[in-house]
Amino acid sequence: MCAAAISAARVARVYYGAADPKSGGVAHGARVFSHPQCHHVPEVYDGIAGAEAAALLRQFFAGRRD
């Protein structure tokens, strides 16, 4: 859903750290920007401080479950 919104809004660049192999739509899963129906493909920079970003997300959601 986010990747489709990024494409529709014609965002020029996407930067993100933590990958989402289970539900992602950019590098995993649906790979929205790879589809011929996708009319705008941004530059994608992924894996920026990936381990640190993943740890922050895990910590955040663990705190929400407690």
C-alpha atoms as a PDB file:
ATOM      1  CA  MET A   1       0.000   0.000   0.000  1.00  0.00           C
ATOM      2  CA  CYS A   2       2.780   2.447   0.873  1.00  0.00           C
ATOM      3  CA  ALA A   3       4.738   1.609  -2.277  1.00  0.00           C
ATOM      4  CA  ALA A   4       1.647   2.202  -4.423  1.00  0.00           C
ATOM      5  CA  ALA A   5       1.064   5.557  -2.700  1.00  0.00           C
ATOM      6  CA  ILE A   6       4.729   6.490  -3.249  1.00  0.00           C
ATOM      7  CA  SER A   7       4.369   5.711  -6.938  1.00  0.00           C
ATOM      8  CA  ALA A   8       1.061   7.580  -7.287  1.00  0.00           C
ATOM      9  CA  ALA A   9       2.538  10.634  -5.543  1.00  0.00           C
ATOM     10  CA  ARG A  10       5.577  10.437  -7.840  1.00  0.00           C
ATOM     11  CA  VAL A  11       8.050  10.580  -4.975  1.00  0.00           C
ATOM     12  CA  ALA A  12      11.520  10.895  -6.522  1.00  0.00           C
ATOM     13  CA  ARG A  13      13.554   8.905  -3.984  1.00  0.00           C
ATOM     14  CA  VAL A  14      12.820   6.395  -1.229  1.00  0.00           C
ATOM     15  CA  TYR A  15      15.300   5.782   1.575  1.00  0.00           C
ATOM     16  CA  TYR A  16      14.761   3.072   4.178  1.00  0.00           C
ATOM     17  CA  GLY A  17      16.784   0.977   6.570  1.00  0.00           C
ATOM     18  CA  ALA A  18      15.017  -2.158   7.749  1.00  0.00           C
ATOM     19  CA  ALA A  19      13.896  -4.659   5.127  1.00  0.00           C
ATOM     20  CA  ASP A  20      10.542  -6.418   5.471  1.00  0.00           C
ATOM     21  CA  PRO A  21      10.862  -9.852   3.821  1.00  0.00           C
ATOM     22  CA  LYS A  22       7.460 -10.946   5.142  1.00  0.00           C
ATOM     23  CA  SER A  23       5.241  -8.021   4.112  1.00  0.00           C
ATOM     24  CA  GLY A  24       7.400  -5.604   2.135  1.00  0.00           C
ATOM     25  CA  GLY A  25       6.406  -4.255  -1.242  1.00  0.00           C
ATOM     26  CA  VAL A  26       9.658  -2.827  -2.592  1.00  0.00           C
ATOM     27  CA  ALA A  27      12.516  -5.353  -2.434  1.00  0.00           C
ATOM     28  CA  HIS A  28      10.425  -8.309  -1.204  1.00  0.00           C
ATOM     29  CA  GLY A  29       6.872  -9.502  -1.596  1.00  0.00           C
ATOM     30  CA  ALA A  30       4.820  -7.601  -4.158  1.00  0.00           C
ATOM     31  CA  ARG A  31       7.792  -5.628  -5.574  1.00  0.00           C
ATOM     32  CA  VAL A  32       5.391  -2.892  -6.649  1.00  0.00           C
ATOM     33  CA  PHE A  33       7.965  -0.867  -8.579  1.00  0.00           C
ATOM     34  CA  SER A  34       8.837  -3.879 -10.780  1.00  0.00           C
ATOM     35  CA  HIS A  35       5.344  -4.277 -12.228  1.00  0.00           C
ATOM     36  CA  PRO A  36       4.569  -2.985 -15.720  1.00  0.00           C
ATOM     37  CA  GLN A  37       1.425  -1.349 -14.276  1.00  0.00           C
ATOM     38  CA  CYS A  38       3.604   0.900 -12.112  1.00  0.00           C
ATOM     39  CA  HIS A  39       3.795   4.198 -13.994  1.00  0.00           C
ATOM     40  CA  HIS A  40       6.406   5.875 -11.769  1.00  0.00           C
ATOM     41  CA  VAL A  41       9.455   4.192 -10.289  1.00  0.00           C
ATOM     42  CA  PRO A  42      11.444   6.159  -7.703  1.00  0.00           C
ATOM     43  CA  GLU A  43      15.122   5.740  -6.968  1.00  0.00           C
ATOM     44  CA  VAL A  44      15.297   3.309  -4.026  1.00  0.00           C
ATOM     45  CA  TYR A  45      18.086   3.352  -1.449  1.00  0.00           C
ATOM     46  CA  ASP A  46      17.610   0.504   1.000  1.00  0.00           C
ATOM     47  CA  GLY A  47      19.559  -1.045   3.845  1.00  0.00           C
ATOM     48  CA  ILE A  48      20.695   2.277   5.317  1.00  0.00           C
ATOM     49  CA  ALA A  49      21.801   1.344   8.845  1.00  0.00           C
ATOM     50  CA  GLY A  50      19.653  -1.759   8.358  1.00  0.00           C
ATOM     51  CA  ALA A  51      20.639  -3.603  11.524  1.00  0.00           C
ATOM     52  CA  GLU A  52      20.115  -0.522  13.687  1.00  0.00           C
ATOM     53  CA  ALA A  53      16.759   0.257  12.061  1.00  0.00           C
ATOM     54  CA  ALA A  54      15.586  -3.347  12.513  1.00  0.00           C
ATOM     55  CA  ALA A  55      16.621  -3.265  16.188  1.00  0.00           C
ATOM     56  CA  LEU A  56      14.674  -0.015  16.742  1.00  0.00           C
ATOM     57  CA  LEU A  57      11.555  -1.506  15.164  1.00  0.00           C
ATOM     58  CA  ARG A  58      11.844  -4.728  17.188  1.00  0.00           C
ATOM     59  CA  GLN A  59      12.288  -2.744  20.405  1.00  0.00           C
ATOM     60  CA  PHE A  60       9.338  -0.479  19.611  1.00  0.00           C
ATOM     61  CA  PHE A  61       6.914  -3.307  18.838  1.00  0.00           C
ATOM     62  CA  ALA A  62       8.125  -5.415  21.783  1.00  0.00           C
ATOM     63  CA  GLY A  63       7.275  -2.472  24.018  1.00  0.00           C
ATOM     64  CA  ARG A  64       3.806  -2.252  22.484  1.00  0.00           C
ATOM     65  CA  ARG A  65       3.148  -5.926  23.256  1.00  0.00           C
ATOM     66  CA  ASP A  66       4.145  -5.621  26.925  1.00  0.00           C
END
